[in-house]
Amino acid sequence: MAVCAYCSNTILFGGISAEGKLFCSERCRESARLLSLSEKVPYRLLIKKLDELHKGSCPKCGGAGPVDVHRSYRICSAIVVSRWTNIPEVCCRKCATKSQILGILYSLCLGWWSIPWGLILTPVQVFQNLRALFRGPPPGRPSVELEHVVRVGLAARIGQEAANPKTGTHRSGSPETAKI
């Protein structure tokens, strides 16, 4: 099975090919482009923004941090078709716990209804949510995944400013980068 060169999700059918790599969506292809642009982000700016986000308030609920990237896992099935996802969210631990519990409930209700993938992957997704509930990123320091989100967000901002030098405005379609 093919794997997205950006998000590492499994690609069963199709995908978008660019620069010798395969991506699951146009969004991942664009994010990979931003990732290569992110190498130009000054280190001091990266550390400053990373620290601000990690120690700041939760972008989801406005509550106290620390803020980091947390994942929840879901599966939805119908007869012979199953769709499973992992959902990264930049949020506090409290919001992550809610998302992971909802992921468990969602998967238990909607995951079983296909053969064979629903029967096989529903317990996997439930287990991954349980594991994420008990083993999240360490609260004392930002994770590598959060650094990645901040770096790509800054690259998007730099790319946008380079495209619109007169306005200096930042517009991003990515929810992870919109707050950076």
N, C-alpha and C. Protein backbone atom coordinates (compact mmCIF):
# COMPACT_ATOMS: atom_id res chain seq x y z
N MET A 1 0.83 -1.18 0.00
CA MET A 1 0.00 0.00 0.00
C MET A 1 0.88 1.25 0.00
N ALA A 2 0.42 2.27 -0.71
CA ALA A 2 1.16 3.52 -0.78
C ALA A 2 0.89 4.36 0.47
N VAL A 3 1.86 5.19 0.81
CA VAL A 3 1.76 6.06 1.98
C VAL A 3 2.01 7.49 1.54
N CYS A 4 1.21 8.42 2.07
CA CYS A 4 1.36 9.84 1.75
C CYS A 4 2.74 10.31 2.22
N ALA A 5 3.46 11.00 1.35
CA ALA A 5 4.80 11.49 1.66
C ALA A 5 4.77 12.60 2.69
N TYR A 6 3.61 13.17 2.97
CA TYR A 6 3.52 14.25 3.95
C TYR A 6 2.93 13.79 5.28
N CYS A 7 1.73 13.20 5.25
CA CYS A 7 1.04 12.89 6.51
C CYS A 7 1.14 11.42 6.92
N SER A 8 1.70 10.59 6.07
CA SER A 8 1.89 9.16 6.32
C SER A 8 0.60 8.35 6.39
N ASN A 9 -0.52 8.93 5.95
CA ASN A 9 -1.76 8.15 5.86
C ASN A 9 -1.65 7.17 4.71
N THR A 10 -2.35 6.06 4.83
CA THR A 10 -2.36 5.04 3.78
C THR A 10 -3.20 5.53 2.60
N ILE A 11 -2.70 5.33 1.39
CA ILE A 11 -3.42 5.70 0.18
C ILE A 11 -3.83 4.40 -0.50
N LEU A 12 -5.12 4.11 -0.47
CA LEU A 12 -5.61 2.88 -1.09
C LEU A 12 -5.79 3.05 -2.59
N PHE A 13 -6.40 4.17 -3.00
CA PHE A 13 -6.67 4.42 -4.42
C PHE A 13 -6.28 5.84 -4.76
N GLY A 14 -5.69 6.02 -5.93
CA GLY A 14 -5.41 7.35 -6.42
C GLY A 14 -4.23 7.99 -5.75
N GLY A 15 -4.42 9.23 -5.36
CA GLY A 15 -3.34 10.02 -4.80
C GLY A 15 -2.89 11.06 -5.81
N ILE A 16 -2.12 12.00 -5.36
CA ILE A 16 -1.62 13.08 -6.21
C ILE A 16 -0.10 12.95 -6.26
N SER A 17 0.43 12.85 -7.46
CA SER A 17 1.86 12.69 -7.64
C SER A 17 2.48 14.04 -7.97
N ALA A 18 3.55 14.38 -7.26
CA ALA A 18 4.26 15.63 -7.53
C ALA A 18 5.71 15.47 -7.09
N GLU A 19 6.62 15.91 -7.95
CA GLU A 19 8.05 15.88 -7.66
C GLU A 19 8.53 14.50 -7.23
N GLY A 20 8.00 13.46 -7.86
CA GLY A 20 8.42 12.11 -7.56
C GLY A 20 7.87 11.54 -6.25
N LYS A 21 6.93 12.24 -5.63
CA LYS A 21 6.34 11.78 -4.38
C LYS A 21 4.84 11.64 -4.56
N LEU A 22 4.22 10.81 -3.71
CA LEU A 22 2.79 10.59 -3.77
C LEU A 22 2.14 11.17 -2.52
N PHE A 23 1.05 11.92 -2.72
CA PHE A 23 0.33 12.58 -1.64
C PHE A 23 -1.12 12.13 -1.65
N CYS A 24 -1.74 12.09 -0.48
CA CYS A 24 -3.13 11.65 -0.39
C CYS A 24 -4.11 12.73 -0.84
N SER A 25 -3.70 13.99 -0.81
CA SER A 25 -4.60 15.09 -1.18
C SER A 25 -3.79 16.29 -1.65
N GLU A 26 -4.51 17.23 -2.24
CA GLU A 26 -3.88 18.48 -2.66
C GLU A 26 -3.36 19.25 -1.45
N ARG A 27 -4.07 19.14 -0.35
CA ARG A 27 -3.65 19.83 0.89
C ARG A 27 -2.29 19.30 1.36
N CYS A 28 -2.11 17.98 1.32
CA CYS A 28 -0.82 17.42 1.72
C CYS A 28 0.29 17.81 0.75
N ARG A 29 -0.03 17.88 -0.54
CA ARG A 29 0.98 18.29 -1.53
C ARG A 29 1.42 19.72 -1.24
N GLU A 30 0.46 20.60 -0.97
CA GLU A 30 0.78 22.00 -0.66
C GLU A 30 1.55 22.10 0.65
N SER A 31 1.18 21.30 1.62
CA SER A 31 1.89 21.31 2.90
C SER A 31 3.32 20.85 2.74
N ALA A 32 3.56 19.89 1.87
CA ALA A 32 4.92 19.43 1.60
C ALA A 32 5.74 20.54 0.96
N ARG A 33 5.11 21.31 0.07
CA ARG A 33 5.79 22.46 -0.54
C ARG A 33 6.16 23.47 0.54
N LEU A 34 5.23 23.70 1.45
CA LEU A 34 5.50 24.63 2.55
C LEU A 34 6.61 24.10 3.46
N LEU A 35 6.64 22.79 3.63
CA LEU A 35 7.67 22.19 4.47
C LEU A 35 9.06 22.47 3.89
N SER A 36 9.19 22.36 2.58
CA SER A 36 10.49 22.67 1.98
C SER A 36 10.81 24.16 2.11
N LEU A 37 9.79 25.01 2.05
CA LEU A 37 9.97 26.45 2.26
C LEU A 37 10.34 26.74 3.72
N SER A 38 9.89 25.87 4.62
CA SER A 38 10.10 26.11 6.05
C SER A 38 11.57 26.06 6.46
N GLU A 39 12.41 25.50 5.61
CA GLU A 39 13.84 25.46 5.92
C GLU A 39 14.45 26.86 5.96
N LYS A 40 13.73 27.84 5.39
CA LYS A 40 14.21 29.22 5.36
C LYS A 40 13.75 30.02 6.58
N VAL A 41 12.95 29.42 7.45
CA VAL A 41 12.45 30.13 8.64
C VAL A 41 13.61 30.33 9.62
N PRO A 42 13.83 31.58 10.04
CA PRO A 42 14.91 31.83 11.01
C PRO A 42 14.66 31.07 12.32
N TYR A 43 15.72 30.49 12.85
CA TYR A 43 15.62 29.64 14.05
C TYR A 43 15.06 30.41 15.25
N ARG A 44 15.50 31.63 15.45
CA ARG A 44 15.03 32.42 16.60
C ARG A 44 13.54 32.69 16.52
N LEU A 45 13.07 32.99 15.32
CA LEU A 45 11.63 33.22 15.13
C LEU A 45 10.84 31.95 15.41
N LEU A 46 11.36 30.82 14.93
CA LEU A 46 10.71 29.54 15.16
C LEU A 46 10.59 29.25 16.66
N ILE A 47 11.67 29.39 17.39
CA ILE A 47 11.67 29.11 18.83
C ILE A 47 10.71 30.06 19.56
N LYS A 48 10.72 31.32 19.18
CA LYS A 48 9.83 32.30 19.82
C LYS A 48 8.37 31.93 19.62
N LYS A 49 7.98 31.65 18.38
CA LYS A 49 6.58 31.31 18.08
C LYS A 49 6.19 29.97 18.69
N LEU A 50 7.10 29.02 18.69
CA LEU A 50 6.84 27.71 19.29
C LEU A 50 6.58 27.85 20.78
N ASP A 51 7.39 28.62 21.45
CA ASP A 51 7.23 28.84 22.88
C ASP A 51 5.92 29.57 23.18
N GLU A 52 5.59 30.59 22.37
CA GLU A 52 4.33 31.33 22.55
C GLU A 52 3.12 30.41 22.42
N LEU A 53 3.13 29.55 21.40
CA LEU A 53 2.00 28.65 21.18
C LEU A 53 1.91 27.61 22.28
N HIS A 54 3.03 27.01 22.64
CA HIS A 54 3.04 25.94 23.63
C HIS A 54 2.60 26.44 25.00
N LYS A 55 3.05 27.61 25.40
CA LYS A 55 2.73 28.16 26.72
C LYS A 55 1.46 29.00 26.72
N GLY A 56 0.89 29.25 25.55
CA GLY A 56 -0.28 30.10 25.44
C GLY A 56 -1.58 29.37 25.75
N SER A 57 -2.67 30.05 25.49
CA SER A 57 -3.98 29.45 25.73
C SER A 57 -4.39 28.56 24.56
N CYS A 58 -5.28 27.63 24.83
CA CYS A 58 -5.73 26.66 23.84
C CYS A 58 -6.48 27.37 22.71
N PRO A 59 -6.11 27.12 21.45
CA PRO A 59 -6.81 27.75 20.33
C PRO A 59 -8.24 27.23 20.17
N LYS A 60 -8.54 26.09 20.77
CA LYS A 60 -9.86 25.48 20.63
C LYS A 60 -10.84 25.98 21.68
N CYS A 61 -10.43 25.99 22.95
CA CYS A 61 -11.35 26.35 24.05
C CYS A 61 -10.96 27.64 24.75
N GLY A 62 -9.76 28.13 24.51
CA GLY A 62 -9.29 29.34 25.17
C GLY A 62 -8.75 29.09 26.58
N GLY A 63 -8.75 27.83 27.01
CA GLY A 63 -8.26 27.48 28.34
C GLY A 63 -6.74 27.51 28.43
N ALA A 64 -6.26 27.24 29.62
CA ALA A 64 -4.82 27.26 29.87
C ALA A 64 -4.12 26.10 29.16
N GLY A 65 -2.88 26.34 28.80
CA GLY A 65 -2.06 25.32 28.14
C GLY A 65 -1.50 24.35 29.15
N PRO A 66 -0.50 23.60 28.81
CA PRO A 66 0.27 23.71 27.58
C PRO A 66 -0.52 23.20 26.36
N VAL A 67 -0.19 23.77 25.24
CA VAL A 67 -0.81 23.42 23.97
C VAL A 67 0.17 22.55 23.20
N ASP A 68 -0.34 21.51 22.56
CA ASP A 68 0.49 20.65 21.74
C ASP A 68 -0.37 19.99 20.68
N VAL A 69 0.23 19.14 19.87
CA VAL A 69 -0.51 18.38 18.86
C VAL A 69 -0.96 17.08 19.49
N HIS A 70 -2.25 16.85 19.49
CA HIS A 70 -2.84 15.62 20.00
C HIS A 70 -3.62 14.98 18.87
N ARG A 71 -3.72 13.67 18.88
CA ARG A 71 -4.43 12.94 17.82
C ARG A 71 -5.60 12.15 18.38
N SER A 72 -6.66 12.10 17.56
CA SER A 72 -7.76 11.19 17.84
C SER A 72 -7.95 10.33 16.59
N TYR A 73 -8.55 9.17 16.76
CA TYR A 73 -8.65 8.18 15.69
C TYR A 73 -10.10 7.75 15.52
N ARG A 74 -10.53 7.60 14.27
CA ARG A 74 -11.91 7.23 13.99
C ARG A 74 -11.99 6.24 12.83
N ILE A 75 -13.07 5.47 12.84
CA ILE A 75 -13.40 4.61 11.71
C ILE A 75 -14.91 4.64 11.50
N CYS A 76 -15.31 4.67 10.24
CA CYS A 76 -16.71 4.62 9.86
C CYS A 76 -16.83 3.57 8.75
N SER A 77 -17.79 2.67 8.88
CA SER A 77 -17.91 1.58 7.92
C SER A 77 -19.35 1.42 7.44
N ALA A 78 -19.48 0.90 6.23
CA ALA A 78 -20.80 0.57 5.67
C ALA A 78 -20.62 -0.58 4.69
N ILE A 79 -21.16 -1.71 5.00
CA ILE A 79 -21.19 -2.95 4.23
C ILE A 79 -19.78 -3.42 3.83
N VAL A 80 -19.20 -2.90 2.75
CA VAL A 80 -17.87 -3.33 2.34
C VAL A 80 -16.87 -2.17 2.30
N VAL A 81 -17.28 -1.00 2.73
CA VAL A 81 -16.42 0.18 2.67
C VAL A 81 -16.14 0.67 4.09
N SER A 82 -14.87 0.96 4.35
CA SER A 82 -14.48 1.53 5.64
C SER A 82 -13.58 2.72 5.39
N ARG A 83 -13.71 3.73 6.24
CA ARG A 83 -12.83 4.90 6.17
C ARG A 83 -12.30 5.14 7.57
N TRP A 84 -10.97 5.09 7.72
CA TRP A 84 -10.38 5.34 9.02
C TRP A 84 -9.43 6.52 8.89
N THR A 85 -9.40 7.32 9.94
CA THR A 85 -8.59 8.54 9.92
C THR A 85 -7.93 8.75 11.27
N ASN A 86 -6.86 9.52 11.26
CA ASN A 86 -6.33 10.05 12.50
C ASN A 86 -6.38 11.57 12.34
N ILE A 87 -6.84 12.22 13.38
CA ILE A 87 -7.12 13.65 13.32
C ILE A 87 -6.17 14.39 14.26
N PRO A 88 -5.19 15.11 13.70
CA PRO A 88 -4.31 15.90 14.57
C PRO A 88 -4.99 17.21 14.94
N GLU A 89 -4.85 17.62 16.20
CA GLU A 89 -5.42 18.87 16.65
C GLU A 89 -4.40 19.60 17.52
N VAL A 90 -4.28 20.89 17.31
CA VAL A 90 -3.45 21.73 18.16
C VAL A 90 -4.38 22.23 19.25
N CYS A 91 -4.19 21.70 20.46
CA CYS A 91 -5.10 22.03 21.56
C CYS A 91 -4.47 21.65 22.90
N CYS A 92 -5.22 21.95 23.96
CA CYS A 92 -4.78 21.58 25.31
C CYS A 92 -5.15 20.12 25.58
N ARG A 93 -4.67 19.59 26.68
CA ARG A 93 -4.92 18.20 27.05
C ARG A 93 -6.41 17.94 27.27
N LYS A 94 -7.12 18.89 27.86
CA LYS A 94 -8.55 18.74 28.12
C LYS A 94 -9.34 18.57 26.81
N CYS A 95 -9.06 19.39 25.83
CA CYS A 95 -9.73 19.28 24.53
C CYS A 95 -9.35 17.98 23.82
N ALA A 96 -8.08 17.58 23.97
CA ALA A 96 -7.63 16.33 23.35
C ALA A 96 -8.36 15.14 23.95
N THR A 97 -8.54 15.15 25.26
CA THR A 97 -9.25 14.05 25.93
C THR A 97 -10.68 13.95 25.41
N LYS A 98 -11.35 15.08 25.26
CA LYS A 98 -12.72 15.07 24.71
C LYS A 98 -12.73 14.48 23.30
N SER A 99 -11.79 14.90 22.45
CA SER A 99 -11.74 14.39 21.07
C SER A 99 -11.45 12.89 21.04
N GLN A 100 -10.58 12.42 21.91
CA GLN A 100 -10.24 11.01 21.93
C GLN A 100 -11.40 10.16 22.45
N ILE A 101 -12.12 10.65 23.44
CA ILE A 101 -13.29 9.91 23.93
C ILE A 101 -14.38 9.90 22.85
N LEU A 102 -14.57 11.02 22.16
CA LEU A 102 -15.53 11.05 21.04
C LEU A 102 -15.09 10.10 19.93
N GLY A 103 -13.78 10.02 19.69
CA GLY A 103 -13.27 9.08 18.68
C GLY A 103 -13.58 7.64 19.05
N ILE A 104 -13.46 7.31 20.33
CA ILE A 104 -13.80 5.96 20.79
C ILE A 104 -15.29 5.69 20.56
N LEU A 105 -16.13 6.61 20.98
CA LEU A 105 -17.59 6.43 20.83
C LEU A 105 -17.99 6.37 19.36
N TYR A 106 -17.43 7.24 18.55
CA TYR A 106 -17.70 7.28 17.12
C TYR A 106 -17.33 5.93 16.48
N SER A 107 -16.13 5.46 16.80
CA SER A 107 -15.66 4.19 16.23
C SER A 107 -16.50 3.01 16.70
N LEU A 108 -16.87 2.99 17.97
CA LEU A 108 -17.68 1.89 18.50
C LEU A 108 -19.07 1.87 17.87
N CYS A 109 -19.62 3.04 17.57
CA CYS A 109 -20.96 3.10 16.96
C CYS A 109 -20.94 2.87 15.45
N LEU A 110 -19.95 3.44 14.75
CA LEU A 110 -19.98 3.43 13.29
C LEU A 110 -18.89 2.58 12.64
N GLY A 111 -18.03 1.99 13.41
CA GLY A 111 -16.89 1.29 12.84
C GLY A 111 -17.11 -0.15 12.44
N TRP A 112 -18.01 -0.84 13.09
CA TRP A 112 -18.16 -2.29 12.92
C TRP A 112 -18.84 -2.73 11.64
N TRP A 113 -19.46 -1.85 10.90
CA TRP A 113 -20.46 -2.21 9.91
C TRP A 113 -19.92 -2.60 8.55
N SER A 114 -18.71 -3.12 8.45
CA SER A 114 -18.23 -3.67 7.17
C SER A 114 -17.36 -4.89 7.44
N ILE A 115 -17.29 -5.71 6.41
CA ILE A 115 -16.46 -6.91 6.48
C ILE A 115 -15.40 -6.77 5.41
N PRO A 116 -14.14 -6.95 5.67
CA PRO A 116 -13.52 -7.33 6.92
C PRO A 116 -12.99 -6.14 7.72
N TRP A 117 -12.79 -4.96 7.04
CA TRP A 117 -12.05 -3.87 7.66
C TRP A 117 -12.71 -3.31 8.91
N GLY A 118 -14.01 -3.20 8.91
CA GLY A 118 -14.69 -2.67 10.09
C GLY A 118 -14.44 -3.54 11.31
N LEU A 119 -14.53 -4.84 11.12
CA LEU A 119 -14.33 -5.77 12.23
C LEU A 119 -12.88 -5.79 12.71
N ILE A 120 -11.96 -5.58 11.79
CA ILE A 120 -10.55 -5.62 12.14
C ILE A 120 -10.07 -4.29 12.71
N LEU A 121 -10.43 -3.18 12.06
CA LEU A 121 -9.85 -1.89 12.42
C LEU A 121 -10.57 -1.13 13.53
N THR A 122 -11.81 -1.48 13.82
CA THR A 122 -12.50 -0.79 14.92
C THR A 122 -11.76 -0.98 16.25
N PRO A 123 -11.38 -2.21 16.62
CA PRO A 123 -10.60 -2.35 17.86
C PRO A 123 -9.25 -1.62 17.80
N VAL A 124 -8.65 -1.55 16.62
CA VAL A 124 -7.37 -0.86 16.47
C VAL A 124 -7.55 0.63 16.75
N GLN A 125 -8.58 1.24 16.16
CA GLN A 125 -8.82 2.67 16.37
C GLN A 125 -9.18 2.97 17.82
N VAL A 126 -9.97 2.11 18.44
CA VAL A 126 -10.32 2.29 19.85
C VAL A 126 -9.05 2.21 20.70
N PHE A 127 -8.21 1.23 20.43
CA PHE A 127 -6.95 1.08 21.17
C PHE A 127 -6.05 2.30 20.99
N GLN A 128 -5.96 2.82 19.76
CA GLN A 128 -5.12 3.99 19.52
C GLN A 128 -5.62 5.20 20.30
N ASN A 129 -6.94 5.37 20.38
CA ASN A 129 -7.49 6.46 21.18
C ASN A 129 -7.18 6.26 22.66
N LEU A 130 -7.31 5.04 23.14
CA LEU A 130 -7.00 4.77 24.55
C LEU A 130 -5.52 5.04 24.84
N ARG A 131 -4.67 4.62 23.93
CA ARG A 131 -3.23 4.87 24.09
C ARG A 131 -2.95 6.37 24.10
N ALA A 132 -3.61 7.11 23.20
CA ALA A 132 -3.41 8.56 23.15
C ALA A 132 -3.93 9.24 24.42
N LEU A 133 -4.99 8.69 25.00
CA LEU A 133 -5.53 9.25 26.25
C LEU A 133 -4.51 9.18 27.38
N PHE A 134 -3.78 8.08 27.44
CA PHE A 134 -2.86 7.86 28.54
C PHE A 134 -1.41 8.24 28.24
N ARG A 135 -1.08 8.35 26.95
CA ARG A 135 0.28 8.71 26.57
C ARG A 135 0.24 9.85 25.56
N GLY A 136 0.12 11.05 26.03
CA GLY A 136 0.16 12.20 25.14
C GLY A 136 1.55 12.77 25.11
N PRO A 137 1.72 13.88 24.41
CA PRO A 137 3.03 14.54 24.40
C PRO A 137 3.38 15.02 25.81
N PRO A 138 4.64 15.03 26.17
CA PRO A 138 5.02 15.51 27.50
C PRO A 138 4.67 16.99 27.66
N PRO A 139 4.04 17.37 28.78
CA PRO A 139 3.59 18.75 28.94
C PRO A 139 4.72 19.76 29.16
N GLY A 140 5.89 19.30 29.55
CA GLY A 140 6.98 20.21 29.88
C GLY A 140 7.64 20.88 28.70
N ARG A 141 7.59 20.26 27.54
CA ARG A 141 8.24 20.85 26.37
C ARG A 141 7.42 20.55 25.11
N PRO A 142 7.53 21.41 24.11
CA PRO A 142 6.77 21.20 22.87
C PRO A 142 7.26 19.96 22.13
N SER A 143 6.34 19.26 21.50
CA SER A 143 6.70 18.07 20.75
C SER A 143 7.30 18.45 19.39
N VAL A 144 7.91 17.49 18.76
CA VAL A 144 8.46 17.67 17.42
C VAL A 144 7.32 17.97 16.45
N GLU A 145 6.17 17.36 16.68
CA GLU A 145 5.01 17.58 15.82
C GLU A 145 4.52 19.03 15.92
N LEU A 146 4.53 19.61 17.12
CA LEU A 146 4.14 21.01 17.28
C LEU A 146 5.16 21.92 16.60
N GLU A 147 6.43 21.58 16.71
CA GLU A 147 7.46 22.36 16.02
C GLU A 147 7.22 22.34 14.51
N HIS A 148 6.83 21.18 14.00
CA HIS A 148 6.52 21.03 12.58
C HIS A 148 5.36 21.94 12.19
N VAL A 149 4.30 21.98 13.00
CA VAL A 149 3.13 22.81 12.71
C VAL A 149 3.53 24.29 12.70
N VAL A 150 4.31 24.71 13.67
CA VAL A 150 4.74 26.11 13.75
C VAL A 150 5.64 26.46 12.57
N ARG A 151 6.57 25.57 12.26
CA ARG A 151 7.50 25.81 11.14
C ARG A 151 6.75 25.96 9.83
N VAL A 152 5.78 25.08 9.57
CA VAL A 152 5.00 25.14 8.33
C VAL A 152 4.12 26.40 8.33
N GLY A 153 3.56 26.75 9.49
CA GLY A 153 2.75 27.97 9.57
C GLY A 153 3.56 29.21 9.26
N LEU A 154 4.75 29.28 9.79
CA LEU A 154 5.63 30.41 9.50
C LEU A 154 6.03 30.42 8.03
N ALA A 155 6.26 29.26 7.45
CA ALA A 155 6.60 29.17 6.03
C ALA A 155 5.44 29.66 5.17
N ALA A 156 4.22 29.32 5.56
CA ALA A 156 3.04 29.79 4.83
C ALA A 156 2.95 31.31 4.89
N ARG A 157 3.25 31.85 6.05
CA ARG A 157 3.22 33.30 6.22
C ARG A 157 4.30 33.96 5.37
N ILE A 158 5.50 33.39 5.37
CA ILE A 158 6.60 33.93 4.57
C ILE A 158 6.26 33.82 3.08
N GLY A 159 5.71 32.68 2.67
CA GLY A 159 5.33 32.49 1.27
C GLY A 159 4.24 33.45 0.85
N GLN A 160 3.28 33.69 1.71
CA GLN A 160 2.19 34.63 1.41
C GLN A 160 2.71 36.05 1.32
N GLU A 161 3.59 36.42 2.23
CA GLU A 161 4.16 37.77 2.20
C GLU A 161 5.04 37.97 0.97
N ALA A 162 5.71 36.90 0.52
CA ALA A 162 6.52 36.99 -0.69
C ALA A 162 5.62 37.15 -1.92
N ALA A 163 4.44 36.51 -1.89
CA ALA A 163 3.51 36.60 -3.01
C ALA A 163 2.79 37.95 -3.03
N ASN A 164 2.54 38.53 -1.85
CA ASN A 164 1.85 39.82 -1.74
C ASN A 164 2.73 40.80 -0.95
N PRO A 165 3.83 41.27 -1.52
CA PRO A 165 4.76 42.10 -0.75
C PRO A 165 4.15 43.44 -0.31
N LYS A 166 3.16 43.97 -1.05
CA LYS A 166 2.59 45.27 -0.70
C LYS A 166 1.63 45.18 0.47
N THR A 167 0.86 44.08 0.55
CA THR A 167 -0.15 43.99 1.60
C THR A 167 0.43 43.48 2.90
N GLY A 168 1.35 42.51 2.82
CA GLY A 168 1.92 41.92 4.02
C GLY A 168 0.90 41.14 4.83
N THR A 169 -0.21 40.79 4.19
CA THR A 169 -1.25 40.06 4.92
C THR A 169 -0.99 38.58 4.85
N HIS A 170 -1.59 37.85 5.77
CA HIS A 170 -1.43 36.40 5.85
C HIS A 170 -2.79 35.76 5.73
N ARG A 171 -2.91 34.87 4.73
CA ARG A 171 -4.14 34.11 4.60
C ARG A 171 -3.75 32.66 4.42
N SER A 172 -4.34 31.80 5.20
CA SER A 172 -4.01 30.40 5.12
C SER A 172 -5.28 29.57 5.23
N GLY A 173 -5.40 28.52 4.44
CA GLY A 173 -6.55 27.64 4.51
C GLY A 173 -6.38 26.54 5.53
N SER A 174 -5.19 26.44 6.11
CA SER A 174 -4.93 25.35 7.04
C SER A 174 -5.27 25.77 8.46
N PRO A 175 -6.11 24.99 9.18
CA PRO A 175 -6.45 25.37 10.53
C PRO A 175 -5.24 25.33 11.46
N GLU A 176 -4.25 24.51 11.16
CA GLU A 176 -3.09 24.43 12.02
C GLU A 176 -2.25 25.70 11.91
N THR A 177 -2.24 26.32 10.72
CA THR A 177 -1.37 27.47 10.51
C THR A 177 -2.08 28.79 10.69
N ALA A 178 -3.39 28.79 10.76
CA ALA A 178 -4.15 30.04 10.83
C ALA A 178 -3.84 30.84 12.09
N LYS A 179 -3.48 30.20 13.18
CA LYS A 179 -3.27 30.88 14.46
C LYS A 179 -1.82 31.30 14.66
N ILE A 180 -0.94 30.95 13.73
CA ILE A 180 0.48 31.22 13.93
C ILE A 180 0.85 32.55 13.32
